[in-house]
Amino acid sequence: MPNFAIIENGKVVNSVVAEANYAAEQGWVELPNNVGIDWDYVNGQFVDNRPVLEVVTPSAPTKEELLAQLNALSAQIQALE
């Protein structure tokens, strides 16, 4: 059985496996293999307008930053004693 897209306000909100006749009755659209939830459906075409996530790798702390953290933690430990 094929997958179908449930579309609301031009956006694929869910995908379901169903018989073609039932899917047609529901107004669902057959879903191509490479399309999924959050894609847009514009003028009968699926469009990937999902935001591109950018991976940001934080820079390693400097020696001075690490020493400052160590001093702050040492002060907290001493305050507990």
C-alpha atoms as a PDB file:
ATOM      1  CA  MET A   1       0.000   0.000   0.000  1.00  0.00           C
ATOM      2  CA  PRO A   2       1.290   3.470  -0.772  1.00  0.00           C
ATOM      3  CA  ASN A   3       1.897   6.341   1.647  1.00  0.00           C
ATOM      4  CA  PHE A   4      -0.315   9.404   1.512  1.00  0.00           C
ATOM      5  CA  ALA A   5       0.151  12.932   2.814  1.00  0.00           C
ATOM      6  CA  ILE A   6      -2.382  14.607   5.038  1.00  0.00           C
ATOM      7  CA  ILE A   7      -2.145  18.260   4.066  1.00  0.00           C
ATOM      8  CA  GLU A   8      -3.412  21.195   6.102  1.00  0.00           C
ATOM      9  CA  ASN A   9      -2.984  24.802   5.004  1.00  0.00           C
ATOM     10  CA  GLY A  10      -0.512  23.754   2.306  1.00  0.00           C
ATOM     11  CA  LYS A  11       1.737  21.835   4.726  1.00  0.00           C
ATOM     12  CA  VAL A  12       2.235  18.064   5.064  1.00  0.00           C
ATOM     13  CA  VAL A  13       1.203  17.426   8.676  1.00  0.00           C
ATOM     14  CA  ASN A  14       1.169  13.629   8.661  1.00  0.00           C
ATOM     15  CA  SER A  15       1.711  10.598   6.452  1.00  0.00           C
ATOM     16  CA  VAL A  16      -0.423   7.471   6.416  1.00  0.00           C
ATOM     17  CA  VAL A  17      -0.501   4.108   4.681  1.00  0.00           C
ATOM     18  CA  ALA A  18      -3.880   3.516   3.066  1.00  0.00           C
ATOM     19  CA  GLU A  19      -5.778   2.039   0.157  1.00  0.00           C
ATOM     20  CA  ALA A  20      -5.883   4.445  -2.788  1.00  0.00           C
ATOM     21  CA  ASN A  21      -9.706   4.637  -2.848  1.00  0.00           C
ATOM     22  CA  TYR A  22      -9.930   5.508   0.837  1.00  0.00           C
ATOM     23  CA  ALA A  23      -7.118   8.055   0.527  1.00  0.00           C
ATOM     24  CA  ALA A  24      -8.909   9.729  -2.388  1.00  0.00           C
ATOM     25  CA  GLU A  25     -12.109   9.950  -0.322  1.00  0.00           C
ATOM     26  CA  GLN A  26     -10.154  11.672   2.451  1.00  0.00           C
ATOM     27  CA  GLY A  27      -8.474  14.103   0.051  1.00  0.00           C
ATOM     28  CA  TRP A  28      -5.041  12.721   0.813  1.00  0.00           C
ATOM     29  CA  VAL A  29      -2.260  13.002  -1.768  1.00  0.00           C
ATOM     30  CA  GLU A  30       0.130  10.172  -2.664  1.00  0.00           C
ATOM     31  CA  LEU A  31       3.463  10.814  -1.026  1.00  0.00           C
ATOM     32  CA  PRO A  32       6.690  10.367  -3.019  1.00  0.00           C
ATOM     33  CA  ASN A  33       9.467   8.435  -1.241  1.00  0.00           C
ATOM     34  CA  ASN A  34      11.677  11.447  -0.556  1.00  0.00           C
ATOM     35  CA  VAL A  35       8.906  13.689   0.858  1.00  0.00           C
ATOM     36  CA  GLY A  36       7.783  13.878   4.469  1.00  0.00           C
ATOM     37  CA  ILE A  37       6.179  15.850   7.240  1.00  0.00           C
ATOM     38  CA  ASP A  38       6.728  19.652   7.183  1.00  0.00           C
ATOM     39  CA  TRP A  39       7.105  19.825   3.420  1.00  0.00           C
ATOM     40  CA  ASP A  40       4.863  22.346   1.645  1.00  0.00           C
ATOM     41  CA  TYR A  41       2.298  21.379  -0.974  1.00  0.00           C
ATOM     42  CA  VAL A  42       2.032  24.198  -3.529  1.00  0.00           C
ATOM     43  CA  ASN A  43       0.073  24.044  -6.786  1.00  0.00           C
ATOM     44  CA  GLY A  44       0.024  20.250  -6.747  1.00  0.00           C
ATOM     45  CA  GLN A  45       3.768  19.952  -6.063  1.00  0.00           C
ATOM     46  CA  PHE A  46       5.680  19.043  -2.923  1.00  0.00           C
ATOM     47  CA  VAL A  47       8.235  21.706  -2.012  1.00  0.00           C
ATOM     48  CA  ASP A  48      10.932  21.346   0.636  1.00  0.00           C
ATOM     49  CA  ASN A  49      10.814  24.677   2.464  1.00  0.00           C
ATOM     50  CA  ARG A  50      12.010  23.270   5.766  1.00  0.00           C
ATOM     51  CA  PRO A  51      14.594  25.470   7.455  1.00  0.00           C
ATOM     52  CA  VAL A  52      18.174  24.366   7.020  1.00  0.00           C
ATOM     53  CA  LEU A  53      19.685  23.719  10.410  1.00  0.00           C
ATOM     54  CA  GLU A  54      23.186  25.039  10.859  1.00  0.00           C
ATOM     55  CA  VAL A  55      25.482  23.119  13.154  1.00  0.00           C
ATOM     56  CA  VAL A  56      27.460  25.496  15.308  1.00  0.00           C
ATOM     57  CA  THR A  57      30.477  24.079  17.075  1.00  0.00           C
ATOM     58  CA  PRO A  58      31.415  26.177  20.077  1.00  0.00           C
ATOM     59  CA  SER A  59      35.039  27.164  20.316  1.00  0.00           C
ATOM     60  CA  ALA A  60      37.143  25.539  23.001  1.00  0.00           C
ATOM     61  CA  PRO A  61      37.592  27.663  26.120  1.00  0.00           C
ATOM     62  CA  THR A  62      40.921  29.366  26.592  1.00  0.00           C
ATOM     63  CA  LYS A  63      43.330  28.473  29.378  1.00  0.00           C
ATOM     64  CA  GLU A  64      42.392  31.717  31.147  1.00  0.00           C
ATOM     65  CA  GLU A  65      38.655  30.909  30.960  1.00  0.00           C
ATOM     66  CA  LEU A  66      39.242  27.427  32.372  1.00  0.00           C
ATOM     67  CA  LEU A  67      41.373  28.805  35.214  1.00  0.00           C
ATOM     68  CA  ALA A  68      38.659  31.354  36.027  1.00  0.00           C
ATOM     69  CA  GLN A  69      36.069  28.553  36.160  1.00  0.00           C
ATOM     70  CA  LEU A  70      38.369  26.479  38.360  1.00  0.00           C
ATOM     71  CA  ASN A  71      38.873  29.391  40.757  1.00  0.00           C
ATOM     72  CA  ALA A  72      35.112  30.021  40.931  1.00  0.00           C
ATOM     73  CA  LEU A  73      34.408  26.355  41.655  1.00  0.00           C
ATOM     74  CA  SER A  74      37.176  26.221  44.253  1.00  0.00           C
ATOM     75  CA  ALA A  75      35.648  29.236  46.006  1.00  0.00           C
ATOM     76  CA  GLN A  76      32.237  27.534  46.037  1.00  0.00           C
ATOM     77  CA  ILE A  77      33.743  24.344  47.466  1.00  0.00           C
ATOM     78  CA  GLN A  78      35.567  26.277  50.197  1.00  0.00           C
ATOM     79  CA  ALA A  79      32.319  28.073  51.098  1.00  0.00           C
ATOM     80  CA  LEU A  80      30.710  24.675  51.762  1.00  0.00           C
ATOM     81  CA  GLU A  81      33.405  23.575  54.217  1.00  0.00           C
END
